[in-house]
Structures are given as C-alpha cells and as structure tokens.
Protein backbone atom coordinates (compact mmCIF):
# COMPACT_ATOMS: atom_id res chain seq x y z
CA MET A 1 109.69 -151.22 -130.22
CA LEU A 2 107.40 -149.14 -132.42
CA ALA A 3 104.63 -151.71 -132.06
CA ALA A 4 105.06 -151.37 -128.29
CA THR A 5 104.88 -147.58 -128.66
CA LEU A 6 101.64 -147.87 -130.61
CA LEU A 7 100.22 -150.22 -128.00
CA PHE A 8 101.23 -147.81 -125.22
CA ALA A 9 99.77 -144.88 -127.11
CA LEU A 10 96.44 -146.62 -127.17
CA ALA A 11 96.53 -148.25 -123.75
CA PRO A 12 94.02 -147.04 -121.15
CA GLY A 13 96.61 -144.74 -119.55
CA GLY A 14 97.74 -143.62 -123.00
CA GLY A 15 94.33 -142.37 -123.94
CA GLY A 16 92.42 -145.10 -125.79
CA GLY A 17 92.65 -143.21 -129.07
CA ARG A 18 92.43 -144.32 -132.64
CA VAL A 19 94.93 -146.07 -134.89
CA TYR A 20 94.75 -144.68 -138.42
CA LEU A 21 97.60 -146.61 -140.03
CA THR A 22 99.90 -149.44 -139.11
CA VAL A 23 103.64 -149.04 -139.59
CA ASP A 24 103.54 -151.29 -142.66
CA GLU A 25 100.63 -149.37 -144.20
CA ALA A 26 102.35 -146.02 -143.66
CA LEU A 27 105.63 -147.27 -145.15
CA ALA A 28 103.79 -148.72 -148.17
CA LEU A 29 102.08 -145.35 -148.79
CA ALA A 30 105.36 -143.47 -148.57
CA PHE A 31 107.57 -145.88 -150.48
CA PRO A 32 105.71 -147.92 -153.09
CA ARG A 33 107.88 -150.51 -154.85
CA CYS A 34 110.92 -149.59 -152.72
CA VAL A 35 113.28 -151.80 -150.78
CA LEU A 36 113.13 -150.87 -147.10
CA GLU A 37 115.90 -151.35 -144.57
CA ARG A 38 115.19 -150.82 -140.89
CA THR A 39 118.31 -149.54 -139.21
CA THR A 40 119.17 -148.97 -135.58
CA GLU A 41 121.21 -145.96 -134.52
CA VAL A 42 122.35 -145.05 -131.02
CA LEU A 43 123.23 -141.39 -130.62
CA SER A 44 126.18 -140.36 -128.51
CA ALA A 45 125.55 -137.80 -125.78
CA ALA A 46 127.12 -135.13 -128.01
CA GLU A 47 124.92 -136.12 -130.97
CA ALA A 48 121.81 -136.06 -128.78
CA ALA A 49 122.77 -132.59 -127.53
CA ARG A 50 123.22 -131.45 -131.14
CA VAL A 51 119.78 -132.81 -132.10
CA GLU A 52 118.25 -130.93 -129.17
CA ALA A 53 120.08 -127.72 -130.08
CA LEU A 54 119.11 -127.92 -133.76
CA GLY A 55 115.56 -129.11 -133.10
CA GLY A 56 114.88 -126.68 -130.28
CA GLY A 57 113.53 -129.29 -127.90
CA GLU A 58 114.22 -132.31 -125.76
CA LEU A 59 115.04 -135.70 -127.28
CA GLU A 60 113.37 -138.48 -125.29
CA THR A 61 115.68 -141.29 -126.36
CA ARG A 62 119.07 -141.75 -127.96
CA LEU A 63 117.89 -144.93 -129.69
CA VAL A 64 116.58 -144.32 -133.23
CA ARG A 65 115.19 -146.80 -135.75
CA PRO A 66 114.86 -145.13 -139.15
CA TYR A 67 113.61 -146.95 -142.23
CA VAL A 68 115.75 -146.27 -145.30
CA ALA A 69 114.01 -146.64 -148.68
CA ARG A 70 115.79 -147.35 -151.94
CA LYS A 71 114.49 -147.90 -155.43
CA ASP A 72 116.83 -149.50 -157.96
CA GLY A 73 119.66 -148.87 -155.49
CA VAL A 74 118.96 -145.13 -155.28
CA LEU A 75 118.09 -143.56 -151.91
CA ILE A 76 114.50 -142.29 -152.02
CA GLY A 77 114.03 -141.21 -148.41
CA THR A 78 114.13 -142.10 -144.75
CA ALA A 79 111.11 -142.61 -142.51
CA TYR A 80 111.16 -141.83 -138.81
CA PHE A 81 108.41 -142.62 -136.33
CA ASP A 82 107.90 -140.04 -133.61
CA ALA A 83 105.78 -140.84 -130.55
CA HIS A 84 105.00 -137.88 -128.30
CA LYS A 85 102.38 -136.36 -126.02
CA VAL A 86 100.07 -133.73 -127.46
CA ARG A 87 98.27 -132.52 -124.34
CA THR A 88 98.07 -135.46 -121.99
CA LYS A 89 97.75 -138.28 -124.51
CA ASN A 90 99.92 -139.75 -127.22
CA GLU A 91 100.28 -139.30 -130.94
CA VAL A 92 102.50 -141.28 -133.31
CA LEU A 93 103.60 -139.71 -136.59
CA MET A 94 105.63 -141.04 -139.49
CA LEU A 95 107.81 -138.32 -140.98
CA VAL A 96 109.64 -138.95 -144.25
CA VAL A 97 112.80 -137.01 -145.05
CA THR A 98 114.25 -136.77 -148.55
CA PRO A 99 117.98 -137.04 -149.34
CA ALA A 100 117.87 -133.22 -149.68
CA GLU A 101 116.79 -132.97 -145.99
CA ARG A 102 113.23 -131.87 -146.74
CA LEU A 103 110.05 -133.34 -145.32
CA ALA A 104 108.29 -135.35 -148.00
CA ARG A 105 105.42 -136.80 -146.03
CA VAL A 106 103.77 -136.77 -142.62
CA GLU A 107 101.27 -139.46 -141.65
CA VAL A 108 99.31 -139.77 -138.42
CA LEU A 109 99.51 -143.39 -137.27
CA SER A 110 97.68 -142.94 -133.99
CA PHE A 111 96.08 -140.11 -132.08
CA ALA A 112 94.82 -140.65 -128.52
CA GLU A 113 93.49 -137.14 -127.87
CA PRO A 114 89.83 -136.45 -128.73
CA SER A 115 89.38 -136.45 -132.50
CA GLU A 116 88.34 -132.78 -132.59
CA TYR A 117 91.96 -131.94 -131.66
CA LEU A 118 93.37 -133.74 -134.70
CA PRO A 119 94.34 -131.21 -137.40
CA ARG A 120 93.05 -131.73 -140.93
CA ALA A 121 95.30 -133.01 -143.71
CA SER A 122 95.80 -129.44 -144.96
CA PHE A 123 97.72 -128.65 -141.77
CA TYR A 124 100.16 -131.53 -142.31
CA ALA A 125 100.50 -130.55 -145.99
CA GLN A 126 102.19 -127.32 -144.83
CA LEU A 127 105.07 -129.43 -143.52
CA HIS A 128 105.80 -130.98 -146.93
CA GLY A 129 108.96 -129.54 -148.47
CA GLN A 130 110.04 -127.87 -145.23
CA ARG A 131 113.70 -127.86 -144.20
CA LEU A 132 115.10 -127.42 -140.73
CA SER A 133 115.16 -123.69 -140.01
CA GLU A 134 114.05 -121.21 -137.39
CA ARG A 135 111.05 -120.47 -139.63
CA LEU A 136 109.73 -124.01 -139.19
CA ALA A 137 107.40 -123.05 -136.36
CA VAL A 138 103.71 -122.42 -135.79
CA GLY A 139 103.11 -118.72 -136.39
CA ARG A 140 105.97 -118.48 -138.90
CA GLU A 141 106.00 -120.83 -141.91
CA ILE A 142 103.33 -123.02 -140.33
CA ARG A 143 99.79 -121.75 -139.82
CA GLY A 144 98.17 -122.79 -136.56
CA VAL A 145 94.87 -124.60 -136.26
CA ALA A 146 92.01 -123.06 -134.28
CA GLY A 147 90.87 -125.58 -131.70
CA ALA A 148 93.93 -127.78 -132.23
CA THR A 149 96.78 -125.47 -131.27
CA LEU A 150 98.58 -127.99 -129.08
CA SER A 151 98.30 -130.67 -131.76
CA ALA A 152 99.72 -128.33 -134.39
CA GLU A 153 102.58 -127.34 -132.11
CA ALA A 154 103.33 -130.98 -131.20
CA ALA A 155 103.44 -132.03 -134.86
CA THR A 156 105.67 -129.09 -135.77
CA ARG A 157 108.05 -129.92 -132.90
CA ALA A 158 108.13 -133.52 -134.17
CA ALA A 159 109.02 -132.23 -137.64
CA ARG A 160 111.86 -130.08 -136.26
CA ARG A 161 113.12 -132.94 -134.08
CA THR A 162 113.04 -135.38 -137.00
CA LEU A 163 114.85 -133.02 -139.38
CA ALA A 164 117.48 -132.32 -136.71
CA LEU A 165 117.91 -136.03 -136.08
CA HIS A 166 118.24 -136.71 -139.80
CA ARG A 167 120.88 -134.00 -140.14
CA VAL A 168 122.94 -135.33 -137.23
CA LEU A 169 122.81 -138.87 -138.63
CA ALA A 170 123.83 -137.55 -142.06
CA GLU A 171 126.75 -135.68 -140.47
CA ARG A 172 127.78 -138.90 -138.71
CA LYS A 173 127.81 -140.75 -142.02
CA VAL A 174 129.92 -138.07 -143.68
CA LEU A 175 132.35 -138.13 -140.74
CA ALA A 176 132.58 -141.92 -140.94
CA GLU A 177 133.51 -141.58 -144.59
CA GLY A 178 136.24 -139.12 -143.58
CA LYS A 179 135.00 -136.22 -145.70
CA VAL A 180 134.71 -133.38 -143.16
CA GLN A 181 135.61 -132.34 -139.66
CA ALA A 182 133.12 -132.80 -136.82
CA PRO A 183 130.85 -129.80 -136.16
CA VAL A 184 131.41 -127.97 -132.89
CA VAL A 185 128.45 -127.52 -130.57
CA ALA A 186 128.65 -124.25 -128.66
CA ARG A 187 127.89 -124.55 -124.98
C-alpha cells in the first residue's frame, strides 16, 4: 500500500517529484538494529472521529499500517507514514512516535512540489520531542518557513494527525487490556 502511495505521489498527475528515501531506508535510519513489525489497524468510526477531533483535521482513511520497533524486546517507537497534499502535489513523511507519545523523528520520503517549497531540516527538527497539544501549530511552537508556508503547515498537520492516531491506538490497547474505561467524545 505504501509503495503504491509513493508511486502515486510521483506519478505524472501526482507531480513527478523526487524520492529522497525508500520505506526501508527510512526505517533503517530510525531504528538501527531493531526488530520491526508491520501491523495493520482498522479504526472504528468513533476512533476515526476521535483522531480527527484530537488532531484538528480530517483523516483520509481508517486503515493504518504502523511499524512497531523493538530492541531486545523493549518498545523503542512506532513509525507511521503519512501521504498528503501540500499545495496541489503529494508529500510522504515518516513520523516516529516514542512510547512517551513524543515525536522522535520526521523524514521526508517524497516531495512532489517544486524543491524550493521543501523546508530545510531545521524546520523538521522543531517537531522532534513535540507532544500532541494545541501549541503544536505553525505560529505557536512551530516557526513557519518563508516561501514554504504551505509545506510547513502540511507537515505540522501530519505531525498532529500522527500523534492523535498514536494516542487513539494506545487507548485502544489499554481498553483491550481492560485497564480503563473508554473516553467519551463530545459531539
């Protein structure tokens, strides 16, 4: 599925952009010497609504395929791949979330917009260590990028969406283990 997303992102209608990393290369950078497990999660309608409420934006699909990394049996982090439009063309990011629900890494896998709209690494470095909060937004905790405003906003939305998704999946796991009551989503 992700390979298809990358192909679409770079197809003529998708923009003909550049691939910077493959999925395997990005995972190897994020999780050296770790055991990776690709999982498949299907969100319920209520879980999808919760992700949208927490993340502050629309979720395009309820099908999620996170990669869970362990080293010596200990959870190191979870990688999510987020494909989205920046202006009119696609970008694919890998976002790594720690067990403490903080962003550990953001990698650009592909970017189909003109290269001058791709923020520098220092922009993405601002996302490292961020948690899901109202302050995780361009103009608040995240500085914008002159000439790449839409790219910065798209990446920040992807970070919020990923952290919200990670939280909802963590809540599901806790519920499955019978530890707490389900959160109520106000309507």
